[in-house]
Structures are given as C-alpha cells and as structure tokens.
mmCIF file of all heavy atoms, coordinates in Angstrom:
data_MODEL
# 
_entry.id   MODEL 
# 
loop_
_atom_site.group_PDB 
_atom_site.id 
_atom_site.type_symbol 
_atom_site.label_atom_id 
_atom_site.label_alt_id 
_atom_site.label_comp_id 
_atom_site.label_asym_id 
_atom_site.label_entity_id 
_atom_site.label_seq_id 
_atom_site.pdbx_PDB_ins_code 
_atom_site.Cartn_x 
_atom_site.Cartn_y 
_atom_site.Cartn_z 
_atom_site.occupancy 
_atom_site.B_iso_or_equiv 
_atom_site.pdbx_formal_charge 
_atom_site.auth_seq_id 
_atom_site.auth_comp_id 
_atom_site.auth_asym_id 
_atom_site.auth_atom_id 
_atom_site.pdbx_PDB_model_num 
ATOM 1   N N   . SER A 1 1  ? 107.513 90.039  106.004 1.00 0.00 ? 1  SER A N   1 
ATOM 2   C CA  . SER A 1 1  ? 108.034 91.413  106.010 1.00 0.00 ? 1  SER A CA  1 
ATOM 3   C C   . SER A 1 1  ? 107.489 92.160  107.188 1.00 0.00 ? 1  SER A C   1 
ATOM 4   O O   . SER A 1 1  ? 108.153 93.069  107.759 1.00 0.00 ? 1  SER A O   1 
ATOM 5   C CB  . SER A 1 1  ? 107.689 92.109  104.684 1.00 0.00 ? 1  SER A CB  1 
ATOM 6   O OG  . SER A 1 1  ? 106.296 92.201  104.555 1.00 0.00 ? 1  SER A OG  1 
ATOM 7   N N   . ASN A 1 2  ? 106.274 91.851  107.634 1.00 0.00 ? 2  ASN A N   1 
ATOM 8   C CA  . ASN A 1 2  ? 105.676 92.540  108.768 1.00 0.00 ? 2  ASN A CA  1 
ATOM 9   C C   . ASN A 1 2  ? 106.463 92.222  110.068 1.00 0.00 ? 2  ASN A C   1 
ATOM 10  O O   . ASN A 1 2  ? 106.711 93.084  110.868 1.00 0.00 ? 2  ASN A O   1 
ATOM 11  C CB  . ASN A 1 2  ? 104.185 92.063  108.960 1.00 0.00 ? 2  ASN A CB  1 
ATOM 12  C CG  . ASN A 1 2  ? 103.283 92.724  107.885 1.00 0.00 ? 2  ASN A CG  1 
ATOM 13  O OD1 . ASN A 1 2  ? 103.519 93.779  107.386 1.00 0.00 ? 2  ASN A OD1 1 
ATOM 14  N ND2 . ASN A 1 2  ? 102.258 92.008  107.525 1.00 0.00 ? 2  ASN A ND2 1 
ATOM 15  N N   . VAL A 1 3  ? 106.834 90.944  110.226 1.00 0.00 ? 3  VAL A N   1 
ATOM 16  C CA  . VAL A 1 3  ? 107.615 90.618  111.369 1.00 0.00 ? 3  VAL A CA  1 
ATOM 17  C C   . VAL A 1 3  ? 108.983 91.285  111.387 1.00 0.00 ? 3  VAL A C   1 
ATOM 18  O O   . VAL A 1 3  ? 109.437 91.782  112.397 1.00 0.00 ? 3  VAL A O   1 
ATOM 19  C CB  . VAL A 1 3  ? 107.789 89.026  111.427 1.00 0.00 ? 3  VAL A CB  1 
ATOM 20  C CG1 . VAL A 1 3  ? 108.733 88.647  112.576 1.00 0.00 ? 3  VAL A CG1 1 
ATOM 21  C CG2 . VAL A 1 3  ? 106.420 88.318  111.607 1.00 0.00 ? 3  VAL A CG2 1 
ATOM 22  N N   . ARG A 1 4  ? 109.579 91.344  110.181 1.00 0.00 ? 4  ARG A N   1 
ATOM 23  C CA  . ARG A 1 4  ? 110.888 91.980  110.068 1.00 0.00 ? 4  ARG A CA  1 
ATOM 24  C C   . ARG A 1 4  ? 110.818 93.455  110.457 1.00 0.00 ? 4  ARG A C   1 
ATOM 25  O O   . ARG A 1 4  ? 111.636 94.002  111.163 1.00 0.00 ? 4  ARG A O   1 
ATOM 26  C CB  . ARG A 1 4  ? 111.472 91.814  108.706 1.00 0.00 ? 4  ARG A CB  1 
ATOM 27  C CG  . ARG A 1 4  ? 111.729 90.414  108.278 1.00 0.00 ? 4  ARG A CG  1 
ATOM 28  C CD  . ARG A 1 4  ? 112.678 90.301  107.061 1.00 0.00 ? 4  ARG A CD  1 
ATOM 29  N NE  . ARG A 1 4  ? 112.138 90.942  105.902 1.00 0.00 ? 4  ARG A NE  1 
ATOM 30  C CZ  . ARG A 1 4  ? 111.342 90.372  104.976 1.00 0.00 ? 4  ARG A CZ  1 
ATOM 31  N NH1 . ARG A 1 4  ? 110.970 89.134  105.137 1.00 0.00 ? 4  ARG A NH1 1 
ATOM 32  N NH2 . ARG A 1 4  ? 110.906 91.062  103.954 1.00 0.00 ? 4  ARG A NH2 1 
ATOM 33  N N   . THR A 1 5  ? 109.727 94.085  109.981 1.00 0.00 ? 5  THR A N   1 
ATOM 34  C CA  . THR A 1 5  ? 109.590 95.547  110.254 1.00 0.00 ? 5  THR A CA  1 
ATOM 35  C C   . THR A 1 5  ? 109.387 95.779  111.738 1.00 0.00 ? 5  THR A C   1 
ATOM 36  O O   . THR A 1 5  ? 109.955 96.719  112.315 1.00 0.00 ? 5  THR A O   1 
ATOM 37  C CB  . THR A 1 5  ? 108.318 96.099  109.440 1.00 0.00 ? 5  THR A CB  1 
ATOM 38  O OG1 . THR A 1 5  ? 108.584 95.885  108.067 1.00 0.00 ? 5  THR A OG1 1 
ATOM 39  C CG2 . THR A 1 5  ? 108.114 97.558  109.742 1.00 0.00 ? 5  THR A CG2 1 
ATOM 40  N N   . ILE A 1 6  ? 108.551 95.001  112.381 1.00 0.00 ? 6  ILE A N   1 
ATOM 41  C CA  . ILE A 1 6  ? 108.273 95.064  113.810 1.00 0.00 ? 6  ILE A CA  1 
ATOM 42  C C   . ILE A 1 6  ? 109.609 94.951  114.562 1.00 0.00 ? 6  ILE A C   1 
ATOM 43  O O   . ILE A 1 6  ? 109.882 95.711  115.495 1.00 0.00 ? 6  ILE A O   1 
ATOM 44  C CB  . ILE A 1 6  ? 107.261 94.040  114.250 1.00 0.00 ? 6  ILE A CB  1 
ATOM 45  C CG1 . ILE A 1 6  ? 105.882 94.377  113.657 1.00 0.00 ? 6  ILE A CG1 1 
ATOM 46  C CG2 . ILE A 1 6  ? 107.146 94.040  115.769 1.00 0.00 ? 6  ILE A CG2 1 
ATOM 47  C CD1 . ILE A 1 6  ? 104.832 93.318  113.798 1.00 0.00 ? 6  ILE A CD1 1 
ATOM 48  N N   . ALA A 1 7  ? 110.370 93.920  114.231 1.00 0.00 ? 7  ALA A N   1 
ATOM 49  C CA  . ALA A 1 7  ? 111.634 93.662  114.938 1.00 0.00 ? 7  ALA A CA  1 
ATOM 50  C C   . ALA A 1 7  ? 112.623 94.867  114.773 1.00 0.00 ? 7  ALA A C   1 
ATOM 51  O O   . ALA A 1 7  ? 113.253 95.261  115.731 1.00 0.00 ? 7  ALA A O   1 
ATOM 52  C CB  . ALA A 1 7  ? 112.310 92.350  114.348 1.00 0.00 ? 7  ALA A CB  1 
ATOM 53  N N   . ARG A 1 8  ? 112.665 95.442  113.577 1.00 0.00 ? 8  ARG A N   1 
ATOM 54  C CA  . ARG A 1 8  ? 113.537 96.621  113.339 1.00 0.00 ? 8  ARG A CA  1 
ATOM 55  C C   . ARG A 1 8  ? 113.100 97.755  114.276 1.00 0.00 ? 8  ARG A C   1 
ATOM 56  O O   . ARG A 1 8  ? 113.946 98.438  114.848 1.00 0.00 ? 8  ARG A O   1 
ATOM 57  C CB  . ARG A 1 8  ? 113.513 97.010  111.972 1.00 0.00 ? 8  ARG A CB  1 
ATOM 58  C CG  . ARG A 1 8  ? 114.340 96.189  111.009 1.00 0.00 ? 8  ARG A CG  1 
ATOM 59  C CD  . ARG A 1 8  ? 114.133 96.582  109.563 1.00 0.00 ? 8  ARG A CD  1 
ATOM 60  N NE  . ARG A 1 8  ? 114.398 97.973  109.323 1.00 0.00 ? 8  ARG A NE  1 
ATOM 61  C CZ  . ARG A 1 8  ? 115.519 98.455  108.772 1.00 0.00 ? 8  ARG A CZ  1 
ATOM 62  N NH1 . ARG A 1 8  ? 116.446 97.601  108.379 1.00 0.00 ? 8  ARG A NH1 1 
ATOM 63  N NH2 . ARG A 1 8  ? 115.728 99.755  108.633 1.00 0.00 ? 8  ARG A NH2 1 
ATOM 64  N N   . ARG A 1 9  ? 111.778 97.959  114.351 1.00 0.00 ? 9  ARG A N   1 
ATOM 65  C CA  . ARG A 1 9  ? 111.309 99.065  115.151 1.00 0.00 ? 9  ARG A CA  1 
ATOM 66  C C   . ARG A 1 9  ? 111.656 98.863  116.654 1.00 0.00 ? 9  ARG A C   1 
ATOM 67  O O   . ARG A 1 9  ? 112.066 99.808  117.350 1.00 0.00 ? 9  ARG A O   1 
ATOM 68  C CB  . ARG A 1 9  ? 109.783 99.220  114.987 1.00 0.00 ? 9  ARG A CB  1 
ATOM 69  C CG  . ARG A 1 9  ? 109.359 99.738  113.634 1.00 0.00 ? 9  ARG A CG  1 
ATOM 70  C CD  . ARG A 1 9  ? 107.831 99.658  113.482 1.00 0.00 ? 9  ARG A CD  1 
ATOM 71  N NE  . ARG A 1 9  ? 107.398 100.160 112.173 1.00 0.00 ? 9  ARG A NE  1 
ATOM 72  C CZ  . ARG A 1 9  ? 106.184 100.024 111.721 1.00 0.00 ? 9  ARG A CZ  1 
ATOM 73  N NH1 . ARG A 1 9  ? 105.284 99.371  112.444 1.00 0.00 ? 9  ARG A NH1 1 
ATOM 74  N NH2 . ARG A 1 9  ? 105.874 100.464 110.525 1.00 0.00 ? 9  ARG A NH2 1 
ATOM 75  N N   . LEU A 1 10 ? 111.507 97.671  117.081 1.00 0.00 ? 10 LEU A N   1 
ATOM 76  C CA  . LEU A 1 10 ? 111.776 97.398  118.507 1.00 0.00 ? 10 LEU A CA  1 
ATOM 77  C C   . LEU A 1 10 ? 113.292 97.547  118.836 1.00 0.00 ? 10 LEU A C   1 
ATOM 78  O O   . LEU A 1 10 ? 113.650 98.128  119.840 1.00 0.00 ? 10 LEU A O   1 
ATOM 79  C CB  . LEU A 1 10 ? 111.400 95.927  118.842 1.00 0.00 ? 10 LEU A CB  1 
ATOM 80  C CG  . LEU A 1 10 ? 109.890 95.639  118.911 1.00 0.00 ? 10 LEU A CG  1 
ATOM 81  C CD1 . LEU A 1 10 ? 109.637 94.148  119.109 1.00 0.00 ? 10 LEU A CD1 1 
ATOM 82  C CD2 . LEU A 1 10 ? 109.218 96.414  120.011 1.00 0.00 ? 10 LEU A CD2 1 
ATOM 83  N N   . LEU A 1 11 ? 114.126 97.087  117.923 1.00 0.00 ? 11 LEU A N   1 
ATOM 84  C CA  . LEU A 1 11 ? 115.550 97.283  118.145 1.00 0.00 ? 11 LEU A CA  1 
ATOM 85  C C   . LEU A 1 11 ? 115.996 98.716  118.032 1.00 0.00 ? 11 LEU A C   1 
ATOM 86  O O   . LEU A 1 11 ? 116.878 99.197  118.757 1.00 0.00 ? 11 LEU A O   1 
ATOM 87  C CB  . LEU A 1 11 ? 116.341 96.447  117.077 1.00 0.00 ? 11 LEU A CB  1 
ATOM 88  C CG  . LEU A 1 11 ? 116.195 94.904  117.291 1.00 0.00 ? 11 LEU A CG  1 
ATOM 89  C CD1 . LEU A 1 11 ? 116.723 94.202  116.064 1.00 0.00 ? 11 LEU A CD1 1 
ATOM 90  C CD2 . LEU A 1 11 ? 116.973 94.475  118.511 1.00 0.00 ? 11 LEU A CD2 1 
ATOM 91  N N   . THR A 1 12 ? 115.353 99.472  117.192 1.00 0.00 ? 12 THR A N   1 
ATOM 92  C CA  . THR A 1 12 ? 115.586 100.878 117.109 1.00 0.00 ? 12 THR A CA  1 
ATOM 93  C C   . THR A 1 12 ? 115.284 101.587 118.346 1.00 0.00 ? 12 THR A C   1 
ATOM 94  O O   . THR A 1 12 ? 116.008 102.473 118.877 1.00 0.00 ? 12 THR A O   1 
ATOM 95  C CB  . THR A 1 12 ? 114.804 101.538 115.955 1.00 0.00 ? 12 THR A CB  1 
ATOM 96  O OG1 . THR A 1 12 ? 115.196 100.891 114.690 1.00 0.00 ? 12 THR A OG1 1 
ATOM 97  C CG2 . THR A 1 12 ? 115.150 103.048 115.831 1.00 0.00 ? 12 THR A CG2 1 
ATOM 98  N N   . LYS A 1 13 ? 114.223 101.197 118.970 1.00 0.00 ? 13 LYS A N   1 
ATOM 99  C CA  . LYS A 1 13 ? 113.768 101.787 120.298 1.00 0.00 ? 13 LYS A CA  1 
ATOM 100 C C   . LYS A 1 13 ? 114.751 101.408 121.410 1.00 0.00 ? 13 LYS A C   1 
ATOM 101 O O   . LYS A 1 13 ? 115.024 102.167 122.318 1.00 0.00 ? 13 LYS A O   1 
ATOM 102 C CB  . LYS A 1 13 ? 112.340 101.376 120.645 1.00 0.00 ? 13 LYS A CB  1 
ATOM 103 C CG  . LYS A 1 13 ? 111.297 102.021 119.862 1.00 0.00 ? 13 LYS A CG  1 
ATOM 104 C CD  . LYS A 1 13 ? 109.898 101.707 120.341 1.00 0.00 ? 13 LYS A CD  1 
ATOM 105 C CE  . LYS A 1 13 ? 108.819 102.402 119.556 1.00 0.00 ? 13 LYS A CE  1 
ATOM 106 N NZ  . LYS A 1 13 ? 107.441 102.081 120.059 1.00 0.00 ? 13 LYS A NZ  1 
ATOM 107 N N   . ARG A 1 14 ? 115.237 100.215 121.320 1.00 0.00 ? 14 ARG A N   1 
ATOM 108 C CA  . ARG A 1 14 ? 116.211 99.753  122.368 1.00 0.00 ? 14 ARG A CA  1 
ATOM 109 C C   . ARG A 1 14 ? 117.519 100.493 122.343 1.00 0.00 ? 14 ARG A C   1 
ATOM 110 O O   . ARG A 1 14 ? 118.164 100.724 123.294 1.00 0.00 ? 14 ARG A O   1 
ATOM 111 C CB  . ARG A 1 14 ? 116.418 98.251  122.288 1.00 0.00 ? 14 ARG A CB  1 
ATOM 112 C CG  . ARG A 1 14 ? 115.209 97.457  122.687 1.00 0.00 ? 14 ARG A CG  1 
ATOM 113 C CD  . ARG A 1 14 ? 115.606 95.980  122.897 1.00 0.00 ? 14 ARG A CD  1 
ATOM 114 N NE  . ARG A 1 14 ? 114.542 95.199  123.494 1.00 0.00 ? 14 ARG A NE  1 
ATOM 115 C CZ  . ARG A 1 14 ? 114.647 93.983  123.991 1.00 0.00 ? 14 ARG A CZ  1 
ATOM 116 N NH1 . ARG A 1 14 ? 115.836 93.374  123.986 1.00 0.00 ? 14 ARG A NH1 1 
ATOM 117 N NH2 . ARG A 1 14 ? 113.631 93.364  124.528 1.00 0.00 ? 14 ARG A NH2 1 
ATOM 118 N N   . GLY A 1 15 ? 117.902 100.849 121.114 1.00 0.00 ? 15 GLY A N   1 
ATOM 119 C CA  . GLY A 1 15 ? 119.113 101.718 120.924 1.00 0.00 ? 15 GLY A CA  1 
ATOM 120 C C   . GLY A 1 15 ? 120.306 100.848 120.692 1.00 0.00 ? 15 GLY A C   1 
ATOM 121 O O   . GLY A 1 15 ? 120.408 99.645  120.888 1.00 0.00 ? 15 GLY A O   1 
ATOM 122 N N   . SER A 1 16 ? 121.416 101.604 120.350 1.00 0.00 ? 16 SER A N   1 
ATOM 123 C CA  . SER A 1 16 ? 122.652 100.914 119.890 1.00 0.00 ? 16 SER A CA  1 
ATOM 124 C C   . SER A 1 16 ? 123.388 100.177 121.059 1.00 0.00 ? 16 SER A C   1 
ATOM 125 O O   . SER A 1 16 ? 123.945 99.140  120.867 1.00 0.00 ? 16 SER A O   1 
ATOM 126 C CB  . SER A 1 16 ? 123.594 101.952 119.300 1.00 0.00 ? 16 SER A CB  1 
ATOM 127 O OG  . SER A 1 16 ? 123.993 102.901 120.236 1.00 0.00 ? 16 SER A OG  1 
ATOM 128 N N   . LYS A 1 17 ? 123.322 100.756 122.266 1.00 0.00 ? 17 LYS A N   1 
ATOM 129 C CA  . LYS A 1 17 ? 124.052 100.140 123.372 1.00 0.00 ? 17 LYS A CA  1 
ATOM 130 C C   . LYS A 1 17 ? 123.549 98.683  123.642 1.00 0.00 ? 17 LYS A C   1 
ATOM 131 O O   . LYS A 1 17 ? 124.403 97.788  123.964 1.00 0.00 ? 17 LYS A O   1 
ATOM 132 C CB  . LYS A 1 17 ? 123.871 100.954 124.666 1.00 0.00 ? 17 LYS A CB  1 
ATOM 133 C CG  . LYS A 1 17 ? 124.655 102.252 124.593 1.00 0.00 ? 17 LYS A CG  1 
ATOM 134 C CD  . LYS A 1 17 ? 124.527 103.019 125.911 1.00 0.00 ? 17 LYS A CD  1 
ATOM 135 C CE  . LYS A 1 17 ? 125.317 104.336 125.834 1.00 0.00 ? 17 LYS A CE  1 
ATOM 136 N NZ  . LYS A 1 17 ? 125.219 105.108 127.151 1.00 0.00 ? 17 LYS A NZ  1 
ATOM 137 N N   . ALA A 1 18 ? 122.338 98.466  123.453 1.00 0.00 ? 18 ALA A N   1 
ATOM 138 C CA  . ALA A 1 18 ? 121.787 97.113  123.720 1.00 0.00 ? 18 ALA A CA  1 
ATOM 139 C C   . ALA A 1 18 ? 121.971 96.121  122.557 1.00 0.00 ? 18 ALA A C   1 
ATOM 140 O O   . ALA A 1 18 ? 122.001 94.895  122.767 1.00 0.00 ? 18 ALA A O   1 
ATOM 141 C CB  . ALA A 1 18 ? 120.266 97.234  124.043 1.00 0.00 ? 18 ALA A CB  1 
ATOM 142 N N   . CYS A 1 19 ? 122.146 96.739  121.383 1.00 0.00 ? 19 CYS A N   1 
ATOM 143 C CA  . CYS A 1 19 ? 122.097 95.888  120.150 1.00 0.00 ? 19 CYS A CA  1 
ATOM 144 C C   . CYS A 1 19 ? 123.419 95.705  119.346 1.00 0.00 ? 19 CYS A C   1 
ATOM 145 O O   . CYS A 1 19 ? 123.539 94.738  118.638 1.00 0.00 ? 19 CYS A O   1 
ATOM 146 C CB  . CYS A 1 19 ? 121.015 96.404  119.217 1.00 0.00 ? 19 CYS A CB  1 
ATOM 147 S SG  . CYS A 1 19 ? 119.415 96.697  119.918 1.00 0.00 ? 19 CYS A SG  1 
ATOM 148 N N   . THR A 1 20 ? 124.281 96.638  119.453 1.00 0.00 ? 20 THR A N   1 
ATOM 149 C CA  . THR A 1 20 ? 125.407 96.737  118.523 1.00 0.00 ? 20 THR A CA  1 
ATOM 150 C C   . THR A 1 20 ? 126.196 95.396  118.419 1.00 0.00 ? 20 THR A C   1 
ATOM 151 O O   . THR A 1 20 ? 126.386 94.946  117.305 1.00 0.00 ? 20 THR A O   1 
ATOM 152 C CB  . THR A 1 20 ? 126.369 97.867  118.918 1.00 0.00 ? 20 THR A CB  1 
ATOM 153 O OG1 . THR A 1 20 ? 125.687 99.124  118.745 1.00 0.00 ? 20 THR A OG1 1 
ATOM 154 C CG2 . THR A 1 20 ? 127.600 97.860  118.038 1.00 0.00 ? 20 THR A CG2 1 
ATOM 155 N N   . SER A 1 21 ? 126.655 94.908  119.495 1.00 0.00 ? 21 SER A N   1 
ATOM 156 C CA  . SER A 1 21 ? 127.548 93.712  119.400 1.00 0.00 ? 21 SER A CA  1 
ATOM 157 C C   . SER A 1 21 ? 126.750 92.539  118.817 1.00 0.00 ? 21 SER A C   1 
ATOM 158 O O   . SER A 1 21 ? 127.416 91.749  118.035 1.00 0.00 ? 21 SER A O   1 
ATOM 159 C CB  . SER A 1 21 ? 128.070 93.352  120.798 1.00 0.00 ? 21 SER A CB  1 
ATOM 160 O OG  . SER A 1 21 ? 127.003 93.001  121.702 1.00 0.00 ? 21 SER A OG  1 
ATOM 161 N N   . ILE A 1 22 ? 125.503 92.402  119.098 1.00 0.00 ? 22 ILE A N   1 
ATOM 162 C CA  . ILE A 1 22 ? 124.739 91.333  118.533 1.00 0.00 ? 22 ILE A CA  1 
ATOM 163 C C   . ILE A 1 22 ? 124.465 91.494  117.069 1.00 0.00 ? 22 ILE A C   1 
ATOM 164 O O   . ILE A 1 22 ? 124.507 90.568  116.255 1.00 0.00 ? 22 ILE A O   1 
ATOM 165 C CB  . ILE A 1 22 ? 123.400 91.126  119.325 1.00 0.00 ? 22 ILE A CB  1 
ATOM 166 C CG1 . ILE A 1 22 ? 123.707 90.807  120.750 1.00 0.00 ? 22 ILE A CG1 1 
ATOM 167 C CG2 . ILE A 1 22 ? 122.501 90.114  118.678 1.00 0.00 ? 22 ILE A CG2 1 
ATOM 168 C CD1 . ILE A 1 22 ? 122.464 90.867  121.672 1.00 0.00 ? 22 ILE A CD1 1 
ATOM 169 N N   . LEU A 1 23 ? 124.239 92.729  116.640 1.00 0.00 ? 23 LEU A N   1 
ATOM 170 C CA  . LEU A 1 23 ? 124.053 93.003  115.238 1.00 0.00 ? 23 LEU A CA  1 
ATOM 171 C C   . LEU A 1 23 ? 125.300 92.759  114.406 1.00 0.00 ? 23 LEU A C   1 
ATOM 172 O O   . LEU A 1 23 ? 125.261 92.250  113.308 1.00 0.00 ? 23 LEU A O   1 
ATOM 173 C CB  . LEU A 1 23 ? 123.592 94.450  115.105 1.00 0.00 ? 23 LEU A CB  1 
ATOM 174 C CG  . LEU A 1 23 ? 122.181 94.828  115.554 1.00 0.00 ? 23 LEU A CG  1 
ATOM 175 C CD1 . LEU A 1 23 ? 121.998 96.325  115.529 1.00 0.00 ? 23 LEU A CD1 1 
ATOM 176 C CD2 . LEU A 1 23 ? 121.102 94.146  114.751 1.00 0.00 ? 23 LEU A CD2 1 
ATOM 177 N N   . VAL A 1 24 ? 126.469 93.127  114.981 1.00 0.00 ? 24 VAL A N   1 
ATOM 178 C CA  . VAL A 1 24 ? 127.736 92.899  114.256 1.00 0.00 ? 24 VAL A CA  1 
ATOM 179 C C   . VAL A 1 24 ? 127.926 91.447  113.946 1.00 0.00 ? 24 VAL A C   1 
ATOM 180 O O   . VAL A 1 24 ? 128.407 91.081  112.865 1.00 0.00 ? 24 VAL A O   1 
ATOM 181 C CB  . VAL A 1 24 ? 128.926 93.462  115.105 1.00 0.00 ? 24 VAL A CB  1 
ATOM 182 C CG1 . VAL A 1 24 ? 130.227 92.969  114.514 1.00 0.00 ? 24 VAL A CG1 1 
ATOM 183 C CG2 . VAL A 1 24 ? 128.902 94.997  115.184 1.00 0.00 ? 24 VAL A CG2 1 
ATOM 184 N N   . ALA A 1 25 ? 127.478 90.591  114.843 1.00 0.00 ? 25 ALA A N   1 
ATOM 185 C CA  . ALA A 1 25 ? 127.640 89.137  114.680 1.00 0.00 ? 25 ALA A CA  1 
ATOM 186 C C   . ALA A 1 25 ? 126.785 88.608  113.551 1.00 0.00 ? 25 ALA A C   1 
ATOM 187 O O   . ALA A 1 25 ? 126.980 87.453  113.076 1.00 0.00 ? 25 ALA A O   1 
ATOM 188 C CB  . ALA A 1 25 ? 127.307 88.397  115.978 1.00 0.00 ? 25 ALA A CB  1 
# 
C-alpha cells in the first residue's frame, strides 16, 4: 500500500496531460 500511495502522489504531481492516456489503458 505504501508503494501504491507513493505512485499515486507522483502521478498527481505530473498531472493529467502526462498520464491520462496511459491511465485509460
């Protein structure tokens, strides 16, 4: 759960433009 939380925080900082298409997949 710690790793998952860290990953979520990093992706939130990167923002939607960098992540959206990959998350949809």
